[in-house]
């Protein structure tokens, strides 16, 4: 699966165009290597480093989703590797803590 589709299906971004902007910003990494293109393939077992506002999340891909489903379905497809990042404290990409 392409990384831009995966980010959208896992609900880290709302649209594929925002996923494209995230990849083009140069801050997204797959298995420690910077992702240079939006068509980069992602497989189960890959570890993504994703910027979330002012924090960075390490995410292991457990399975690839078939569609953009509910948040519960999306969370079943990955595992947070950083225990210090509490799920309640996560900030969605593209938003800051000051924005409602």
N, C-alpha and C. Protein backbone atom coordinates (compact mmCIF):
# COMPACT_ATOMS: atom_id res chain seq x y z
N UNK A 1 0.85 -1.18 0.00
CA UNK A 1 0.00 0.00 0.00
C UNK A 1 0.90 1.24 0.00
N UNK A 2 0.48 2.25 -0.72
CA UNK A 2 1.22 3.52 -0.75
C UNK A 2 1.13 4.20 0.61
N UNK A 3 2.19 4.92 0.97
CA UNK A 3 2.24 5.55 2.29
C UNK A 3 1.21 6.67 2.43
N UNK A 4 0.89 7.37 1.34
CA UNK A 4 -0.11 8.43 1.45
C UNK A 4 -1.49 7.85 1.73
N UNK A 5 -1.83 6.74 1.10
CA UNK A 5 -3.12 6.08 1.37
C UNK A 5 -3.16 5.53 2.79
N UNK A 6 -2.04 4.96 3.23
CA UNK A 6 -1.98 4.40 4.58
C UNK A 6 -2.22 5.46 5.64
N UNK A 7 -1.55 6.61 5.51
CA UNK A 7 -1.73 7.69 6.48
C UNK A 7 -3.18 8.16 6.54
N UNK A 8 -3.83 8.19 5.41
CA UNK A 8 -5.24 8.59 5.35
C UNK A 8 -6.13 7.51 5.95
N UNK A 9 -5.89 6.25 5.62
CA UNK A 9 -6.72 5.15 6.13
C UNK A 9 -6.53 4.96 7.63
N UNK A 10 -5.33 5.26 8.14
CA UNK A 10 -5.10 5.13 9.58
C UNK A 10 -5.50 6.38 10.35
N UNK A 11 -6.03 7.36 9.65
CA UNK A 11 -6.59 8.58 10.24
C UNK A 11 -5.55 9.50 10.88
N UNK A 12 -4.33 9.50 10.36
CA UNK A 12 -3.34 10.47 10.81
C UNK A 12 -3.52 11.79 10.06
N UNK A 13 -4.11 11.72 8.88
CA UNK A 13 -4.48 12.91 8.11
C UNK A 13 -5.88 12.67 7.55
N UNK A 14 -6.55 13.76 7.20
CA UNK A 14 -7.92 13.62 6.68
C UNK A 14 -7.97 13.31 5.19
N UNK A 15 -7.01 13.84 4.44
CA UNK A 15 -7.03 13.66 2.99
C UNK A 15 -5.67 13.20 2.48
N UNK A 16 -5.67 12.64 1.29
CA UNK A 16 -4.41 12.22 0.69
C UNK A 16 -3.55 13.42 0.32
N UNK A 17 -4.16 14.56 0.04
CA UNK A 17 -3.36 15.74 -0.27
C UNK A 17 -2.59 16.20 0.97
N UNK A 18 -3.19 16.06 2.15
CA UNK A 18 -2.45 16.39 3.38
C UNK A 18 -1.36 15.36 3.66
N UNK A 19 -1.61 14.12 3.31
CA UNK A 19 -0.58 13.09 3.44
C UNK A 19 0.58 13.39 2.50
N UNK A 20 0.27 13.86 1.30
CA UNK A 20 1.31 14.24 0.35
C UNK A 20 2.14 15.39 0.91
N UNK A 21 1.49 16.37 1.49
CA UNK A 21 2.21 17.51 2.08
C UNK A 21 3.10 17.05 3.23
N UNK A 22 2.63 16.10 4.02
CA UNK A 22 3.43 15.58 5.13
C UNK A 22 4.68 14.87 4.61
N UNK A 23 4.51 14.07 3.58
CA UNK A 23 5.66 13.37 3.00
C UNK A 23 6.64 14.37 2.39
N UNK A 24 6.13 15.34 1.67
CA UNK A 24 6.99 16.33 1.03
C UNK A 24 7.69 17.25 2.02
N UNK A 25 7.18 17.33 3.25
CA UNK A 25 7.85 18.15 4.27
C UNK A 25 9.18 17.54 4.68
N UNK A 26 9.35 16.23 4.45
CA UNK A 26 10.62 15.57 4.73
C UNK A 26 10.78 15.08 6.15
N UNK A 27 9.73 15.11 6.95
CA UNK A 27 9.85 14.71 8.35
C UNK A 27 9.34 13.30 8.63
N UNK A 28 8.77 12.65 7.65
CA UNK A 28 8.22 11.31 7.81
C UNK A 28 9.31 10.28 7.49
N UNK A 29 9.42 9.25 8.33
CA UNK A 29 10.43 8.21 8.11
C UNK A 29 9.78 6.83 8.16
N UNK A 30 10.32 5.95 7.33
CA UNK A 30 9.89 4.55 7.30
C UNK A 30 11.12 3.70 7.60
N UNK A 31 11.08 2.95 8.69
CA UNK A 31 12.21 2.12 9.12
C UNK A 31 13.50 2.93 9.22
N UNK A 32 13.39 4.16 9.70
CA UNK A 32 14.55 5.01 9.92
C UNK A 32 15.04 5.76 8.70
N UNK A 33 14.45 5.54 7.55
CA UNK A 33 14.86 6.20 6.31
C UNK A 33 13.80 7.22 5.91
N UNK A 34 14.23 8.42 5.55
CA UNK A 34 13.30 9.46 5.15
C UNK A 34 12.49 9.02 3.93
N UNK A 35 11.19 9.27 3.99
CA UNK A 35 10.31 8.94 2.88
C UNK A 35 10.38 10.09 1.88
N UNK A 36 10.81 9.78 0.66
CA UNK A 36 11.04 10.82 -0.34
C UNK A 36 9.88 10.97 -1.33
N UNK A 37 9.05 9.94 -1.43
CA UNK A 37 7.96 10.02 -2.40
C UNK A 37 6.69 9.42 -1.81
N UNK A 38 5.55 9.93 -2.26
CA UNK A 38 4.26 9.51 -1.70
C UNK A 38 3.89 8.09 -2.10
N UNK A 39 4.50 7.58 -3.15
CA UNK A 39 4.18 6.22 -3.60
C UNK A 39 5.04 5.17 -2.90
N UNK A 40 5.78 5.56 -1.88
CA UNK A 40 6.61 4.62 -1.12
C UNK A 40 5.73 3.50 -0.58
N UNK A 41 6.07 2.23 -0.86
CA UNK A 41 5.24 1.13 -0.34
C UNK A 41 5.47 0.91 1.15
N UNK A 42 4.41 0.51 1.83
CA UNK A 42 4.46 0.21 3.26
C UNK A 42 3.89 -1.19 3.46
N UNK A 43 4.54 -1.96 4.33
CA UNK A 43 4.12 -3.33 4.60
C UNK A 43 3.96 -3.54 6.09
N UNK A 44 3.21 -4.56 6.49
CA UNK A 44 3.14 -4.87 7.92
C UNK A 44 4.54 -5.15 8.47
N UNK A 45 4.79 -4.66 9.67
CA UNK A 45 6.10 -4.80 10.29
C UNK A 45 6.96 -3.56 10.15
N UNK A 46 6.59 -2.65 9.23
CA UNK A 46 7.34 -1.40 9.07
C UNK A 46 7.10 -0.50 10.28
N UNK A 47 8.10 0.30 10.61
CA UNK A 47 7.99 1.28 11.69
C UNK A 47 8.02 2.67 11.07
N UNK A 48 7.00 3.46 11.36
CA UNK A 48 6.91 4.82 10.84
C UNK A 48 7.19 5.81 11.95
N UNK A 49 7.92 6.85 11.63
CA UNK A 49 8.13 7.97 12.52
C UNK A 49 7.30 9.11 11.97
N UNK A 50 6.26 9.49 12.70
CA UNK A 50 5.28 10.46 12.21
C UNK A 50 5.24 11.66 13.14
N UNK A 51 5.42 12.88 12.59
CA UNK A 51 5.28 14.07 13.43
C UNK A 51 3.81 14.32 13.76
N UNK A 52 3.53 14.52 15.04
CA UNK A 52 2.17 14.81 15.50
C UNK A 52 2.21 16.13 16.26
N UNK A 53 2.01 17.22 15.56
CA UNK A 53 2.09 18.53 16.19
C UNK A 53 3.50 18.79 16.67
N UNK A 54 3.68 18.94 17.97
CA UNK A 54 5.01 19.20 18.52
C UNK A 54 5.69 17.91 18.99
N UNK A 55 5.05 16.77 18.77
CA UNK A 55 5.60 15.48 19.20
C UNK A 55 5.88 14.60 17.99
N UNK A 56 6.60 13.52 18.25
CA UNK A 56 6.89 12.55 17.22
C UNK A 56 6.43 11.18 17.72
N UNK A 57 5.69 10.45 16.90
CA UNK A 57 5.19 9.14 17.28
C UNK A 57 5.91 8.06 16.49
N UNK A 58 6.26 6.98 17.17
CA UNK A 58 6.79 5.79 16.53
C UNK A 58 5.66 4.78 16.44
N UNK A 59 5.37 4.33 15.23
CA UNK A 59 4.22 3.47 14.99
C UNK A 59 4.65 2.23 14.23
N UNK A 60 4.30 1.07 14.74
CA UNK A 60 4.55 -0.17 14.02
C UNK A 60 3.27 -0.57 13.30
N UNK A 61 3.37 -0.85 12.02
CA UNK A 61 2.22 -1.25 11.22
C UNK A 61 1.98 -2.74 11.45
N UNK A 62 0.81 -3.09 11.96
CA UNK A 62 0.45 -4.48 12.22
C UNK A 62 -0.25 -5.11 11.04
N UNK A 63 -1.12 -4.36 10.38
CA UNK A 63 -1.84 -4.84 9.21
C UNK A 63 -2.21 -3.64 8.35
N UNK A 64 -2.53 -3.92 7.09
CA UNK A 64 -2.92 -2.85 6.18
C UNK A 64 -4.44 -2.79 6.09
N UNK A 65 -5.02 -1.61 6.34
CA UNK A 65 -6.48 -1.49 6.28
C UNK A 65 -6.98 -1.52 4.83
N UNK A 66 -8.17 -2.05 4.65
CA UNK A 66 -8.78 -2.10 3.31
C UNK A 66 -9.40 -0.77 2.93
N UNK A 67 -9.83 -0.01 3.95
CA UNK A 67 -10.53 1.24 3.70
C UNK A 67 -10.31 2.18 4.88
N UNK A 68 -10.78 3.40 4.74
CA UNK A 68 -10.75 4.35 5.85
C UNK A 68 -12.00 4.09 6.68
N UNK A 69 -11.83 3.38 7.75
CA UNK A 69 -12.96 3.01 8.59
C UNK A 69 -13.03 3.87 9.83
N UNK A 70 -13.61 3.32 10.85
CA UNK A 70 -13.76 4.04 12.11
C UNK A 70 -12.40 4.16 12.80
N UNK A 71 -12.28 5.09 13.75
CA UNK A 71 -11.02 5.21 14.48
C UNK A 71 -10.61 3.90 15.17
N UNK A 72 -11.56 3.17 15.67
CA UNK A 72 -11.27 1.89 16.32
C UNK A 72 -10.65 0.90 15.33
N UNK A 73 -11.20 0.84 14.12
CA UNK A 73 -10.65 -0.04 13.09
C UNK A 73 -9.24 0.39 12.73
N UNK A 74 -9.02 1.69 12.62
CA UNK A 74 -7.69 2.21 12.26
C UNK A 74 -6.68 1.88 13.35
N UNK A 75 -7.03 2.06 14.61
CA UNK A 75 -6.10 1.80 15.71
C UNK A 75 -5.75 0.33 15.83
N UNK A 76 -6.59 -0.55 15.33
CA UNK A 76 -6.29 -1.98 15.36
C UNK A 76 -5.20 -2.36 14.36
N UNK A 77 -4.89 -1.47 13.43
CA UNK A 77 -3.91 -1.76 12.38
C UNK A 77 -2.50 -1.31 12.73
N UNK A 78 -2.32 -0.60 13.84
CA UNK A 78 -0.98 -0.16 14.23
C UNK A 78 -0.82 -0.21 15.73
N UNK A 79 0.45 -0.11 16.16
CA UNK A 79 0.77 -0.12 17.58
C UNK A 79 1.74 1.01 17.85
N UNK A 80 1.45 1.80 18.87
CA UNK A 80 2.34 2.89 19.28
C UNK A 80 3.54 2.28 19.99
N UNK A 81 4.74 2.63 19.58
CA UNK A 81 5.95 2.08 20.18
C UNK A 81 6.50 2.96 21.29
N UNK A 82 6.05 4.20 21.37
CA UNK A 82 6.55 5.11 22.39
C UNK A 82 5.55 5.14 23.55
N UNK A 83 5.86 4.48 24.67
CA UNK A 83 4.90 4.44 25.78
C UNK A 83 4.69 5.80 26.43
N UNK A 84 5.63 6.73 26.26
CA UNK A 84 5.50 8.06 26.87
C UNK A 84 4.43 8.89 26.18
N UNK A 85 4.08 8.55 24.94
CA UNK A 85 3.07 9.29 24.20
C UNK A 85 1.70 8.71 24.54
N UNK A 86 1.02 9.35 25.45
CA UNK A 86 -0.30 8.90 25.88
C UNK A 86 -1.31 9.18 24.78
N UNK A 87 -2.23 8.27 24.52
CA UNK A 87 -3.23 8.46 23.46
C UNK A 87 -4.08 9.71 23.68
N UNK A 88 -4.35 10.06 24.92
CA UNK A 88 -5.16 11.25 25.20
C UNK A 88 -4.39 12.53 24.90
N UNK A 89 -3.07 12.47 24.90
CA UNK A 89 -2.26 13.66 24.69
C UNK A 89 -1.87 13.85 23.23
N UNK A 90 -2.30 12.94 22.36
CA UNK A 90 -1.93 13.06 20.95
C UNK A 90 -2.59 14.29 20.33
N UNK A 91 -1.85 14.93 19.45
CA UNK A 91 -2.36 16.08 18.72
C UNK A 91 -2.44 15.69 17.25
N UNK A 92 -3.60 15.78 16.60
CA UNK A 92 -3.70 15.41 15.20
C UNK A 92 -2.78 16.26 14.33
N UNK A 93 -2.30 15.66 13.25
CA UNK A 93 -1.42 16.35 12.32
C UNK A 93 -2.17 17.54 11.71
N UNK A 94 -1.48 18.64 11.56
CA UNK A 94 -2.09 19.83 10.96
C UNK A 94 -2.79 20.72 11.96
N UNK A 95 -2.78 20.34 13.23
CA UNK A 95 -3.43 21.15 14.26
C UNK A 95 -2.43 21.39 15.37
N UNK A 96 -2.62 22.46 16.10
CA UNK A 96 -1.78 22.73 17.25
C UNK A 96 -2.64 22.68 18.49
N UNK A 97 -1.99 22.68 19.64
CA UNK A 97 -2.75 22.59 20.88
C UNK A 97 -3.59 23.85 21.13
N UNK A 98 -3.26 24.95 20.44
CA UNK A 98 -4.00 26.19 20.62
C UNK A 98 -5.28 26.23 19.80
N UNK A 99 -5.37 25.38 18.77
CA UNK A 99 -6.51 25.40 17.86
C UNK A 99 -7.63 24.53 18.43
N UNK A 100 -8.86 24.98 18.41
CA UNK A 100 -9.97 24.16 18.92
C UNK A 100 -10.25 22.97 18.04
